[in-house]
């Protein structure tokens, strides 16, 4: 049982000796941000307008349905009117 633990300890000691490579990513990122052109807002505006139109249509369809379901007994009262002579 000591042999596997010693092997892992040796690997850990070797890993501690390694130095990480020095990399400067921030300079490359800042250069890329400066060179890119800004994204237009028109495609997002069209998507937002379409979503608003669909939401308005769904609302116009659903509100009357919700208003007709104001009471669970409404259906029974409407059925009873057809049976009353």
C-alpha atoms as a PDB file:
ATOM      1  CA  UNK A   1       0.000   0.000   0.000  1.00  0.00           C
ATOM      2  CA  UNK A   2       2.989   2.294   0.500  1.00  0.00           C
ATOM      3  CA  UNK A   3       4.227   1.933  -3.062  1.00  0.00           C
ATOM      4  CA  UNK A   4       1.213   3.575  -4.773  1.00  0.00           C
ATOM      5  CA  UNK A   5       1.222   6.386  -2.208  1.00  0.00           C
ATOM      6  CA  UNK A   6       4.933   7.017  -2.743  1.00  0.00           C
ATOM      7  CA  UNK A   7       4.389   7.073  -6.490  1.00  0.00           C
ATOM      8  CA  UNK A   8       1.641   9.690  -6.111  1.00  0.00           C
ATOM      9  CA  UNK A   9       3.803  11.730  -3.743  1.00  0.00           C
ATOM     10  CA  UNK A  10       6.651  11.678  -6.262  1.00  0.00           C
ATOM     11  CA  UNK A  11       4.316  12.785  -9.025  1.00  0.00           C
ATOM     12  CA  UNK A  12       3.038  15.602  -6.807  1.00  0.00           C
ATOM     13  CA  UNK A  13       6.584  16.714  -6.023  1.00  0.00           C
ATOM     14  CA  UNK A  14       7.449  16.765  -9.734  1.00  0.00           C
ATOM     15  CA  UNK A  15       4.285  18.714 -10.492  1.00  0.00           C
ATOM     16  CA  UNK A  16       5.176  21.329  -7.867  1.00  0.00           C
ATOM     17  CA  UNK A  17       8.575  21.887  -9.502  1.00  0.00           C
ATOM     18  CA  UNK A  18       7.074  22.766 -12.880  1.00  0.00           C
ATOM     19  CA  UNK A  19       6.587  26.455 -13.528  1.00  0.00           C
ATOM     20  CA  UNK A  20       3.500  27.560 -15.433  1.00  0.00           C
ATOM     21  CA  UNK A  21       4.143  29.265 -18.758  1.00  0.00           C
ATOM     22  CA  UNK A  22       3.884  33.028 -18.705  1.00  0.00           C
ATOM     23  CA  UNK A  23       1.139  34.099 -21.081  1.00  0.00           C
ATOM     24  CA  UNK A  24      -0.292  37.570 -21.483  1.00  0.00           C
ATOM     25  CA  UNK A  25      -3.788  37.133 -22.789  1.00  0.00           C
ATOM     26  CA  UNK A  26      -5.172  40.523 -21.804  1.00  0.00           C
ATOM     27  CA  UNK A  27      -3.183  42.420 -24.457  1.00  0.00           C
ATOM     28  CA  UNK A  28      -4.498  40.182 -27.236  1.00  0.00           C
ATOM     29  CA  UNK A  29      -8.064  40.475 -25.942  1.00  0.00           C
ATOM     30  CA  UNK A  30      -7.912  44.279 -25.755  1.00  0.00           C
ATOM     31  CA  UNK A  31      -6.501  44.500 -29.292  1.00  0.00           C
ATOM     32  CA  UNK A  32      -9.258  42.247 -30.614  1.00  0.00           C
ATOM     33  CA  UNK A  33     -11.963  44.275 -28.844  1.00  0.00           C
ATOM     34  CA  UNK A  34     -10.608  47.524 -30.296  1.00  0.00           C
ATOM     35  CA  UNK A  35     -10.434  46.112 -33.838  1.00  0.00           C
ATOM     36  CA  UNK A  36     -13.932  44.597 -33.970  1.00  0.00           C
ATOM     37  CA  UNK A  37     -16.764  46.661 -35.320  1.00  0.00           C
ATOM     38  CA  UNK A  38     -19.790  47.177 -33.086  1.00  0.00           C
ATOM     39  CA  UNK A  39     -22.745  44.887 -33.583  1.00  0.00           C
ATOM     40  CA  UNK A  40     -25.818  46.519 -35.080  1.00  0.00           C
ATOM     41  CA  UNK A  41     -28.981  46.646 -33.046  1.00  0.00           C
ATOM     42  CA  UNK A  42     -31.390  46.280 -35.969  1.00  0.00           C
ATOM     43  CA  UNK A  43     -31.590  42.448 -35.974  1.00  0.00           C
ATOM     44  CA  UNK A  44     -32.289  42.464 -32.254  1.00  0.00           C
ATOM     45  CA  UNK A  45     -34.882  45.219 -32.719  1.00  0.00           C
ATOM     46  CA  UNK A  46     -36.683  43.124 -35.351  1.00  0.00           C
ATOM     47  CA  UNK A  47     -36.677  40.108 -33.056  1.00  0.00           C
ATOM     48  CA  UNK A  48     -38.025  42.224 -30.195  1.00  0.00           C
ATOM     49  CA  UNK A  49     -40.755  43.700 -32.408  1.00  0.00           C
ATOM     50  CA  UNK A  50     -41.776  40.245 -33.617  1.00  0.00           C
ATOM     51  CA  UNK A  51     -41.861  38.916 -30.087  1.00  0.00           C
ATOM     52  CA  UNK A  52     -44.003  41.855 -28.969  1.00  0.00           C
ATOM     53  CA  UNK A  53     -46.431  41.284 -31.848  1.00  0.00           C
ATOM     54  CA  UNK A  54     -46.757  37.589 -31.054  1.00  0.00           C
ATOM     55  CA  UNK A  55     -47.240  38.358 -27.368  1.00  0.00           C
ATOM     56  CA  UNK A  56     -49.993  40.852 -28.204  1.00  0.00           C
ATOM     57  CA  UNK A  57     -51.734  38.268 -30.394  1.00  0.00           C
ATOM     58  CA  UNK A  58     -51.552  35.589 -27.725  1.00  0.00           C
ATOM     59  CA  UNK A  59     -52.844  38.043 -25.129  1.00  0.00           C
ATOM     60  CA  UNK A  60     -55.782  39.003 -27.361  1.00  0.00           C
ATOM     61  CA  UNK A  61     -56.639  35.313 -27.733  1.00  0.00           C
ATOM     62  CA  UNK A  62     -56.165  34.242 -24.112  1.00  0.00           C
ATOM     63  CA  UNK A  63     -57.838  37.108 -22.217  1.00  0.00           C
ATOM     64  CA  UNK A  64     -61.365  36.207 -23.400  1.00  0.00           C
ATOM     65  CA  UNK A  65     -60.724  32.567 -22.492  1.00  0.00           C
ATOM     66  CA  UNK A  66     -59.635  33.519 -18.989  1.00  0.00           C
ATOM     67  CA  UNK A  67     -62.615  35.819 -18.546  1.00  0.00           C
ATOM     68  CA  UNK A  68     -64.979  33.012 -19.518  1.00  0.00           C
ATOM     69  CA  UNK A  69     -63.415  30.750 -16.896  1.00  0.00           C
ATOM     70  CA  UNK A  70     -64.089  33.069 -13.962  1.00  0.00           C
ATOM     71  CA  UNK A  71     -66.107  30.445 -12.086  1.00  0.00           C
ATOM     72  CA  UNK A  72     -65.847  26.673 -12.290  1.00  0.00           C
ATOM     73  CA  UNK A  73     -69.641  26.416 -11.975  1.00  0.00           C
ATOM     74  CA  UNK A  74     -70.334  28.588 -15.037  1.00  0.00           C
ATOM     75  CA  UNK A  75     -70.399  25.548 -17.319  1.00  0.00           C
ATOM     76  CA  UNK A  76     -72.975  23.806 -15.100  1.00  0.00           C
ATOM     77  CA  UNK A  77     -75.221  26.891 -15.059  1.00  0.00           C
ATOM     78  CA  UNK A  78     -75.060  27.151 -18.825  1.00  0.00           C
ATOM     79  CA  UNK A  79     -75.926  23.467 -19.196  1.00  0.00           C
ATOM     80  CA  UNK A  80     -78.837  23.795 -16.773  1.00  0.00           C
ATOM     81  CA  UNK A  81     -80.361  26.581 -18.886  1.00  0.00           C
ATOM     82  CA  UNK A  82     -80.741  24.172 -21.765  1.00  0.00           C
ATOM     83  CA  UNK A  83     -82.665  21.678 -19.601  1.00  0.00           C
ATOM     84  CA  UNK A  84     -85.062  24.163 -18.002  1.00  0.00           C
ATOM     85  CA  UNK A  85     -88.348  24.241 -19.982  1.00  0.00           C
END
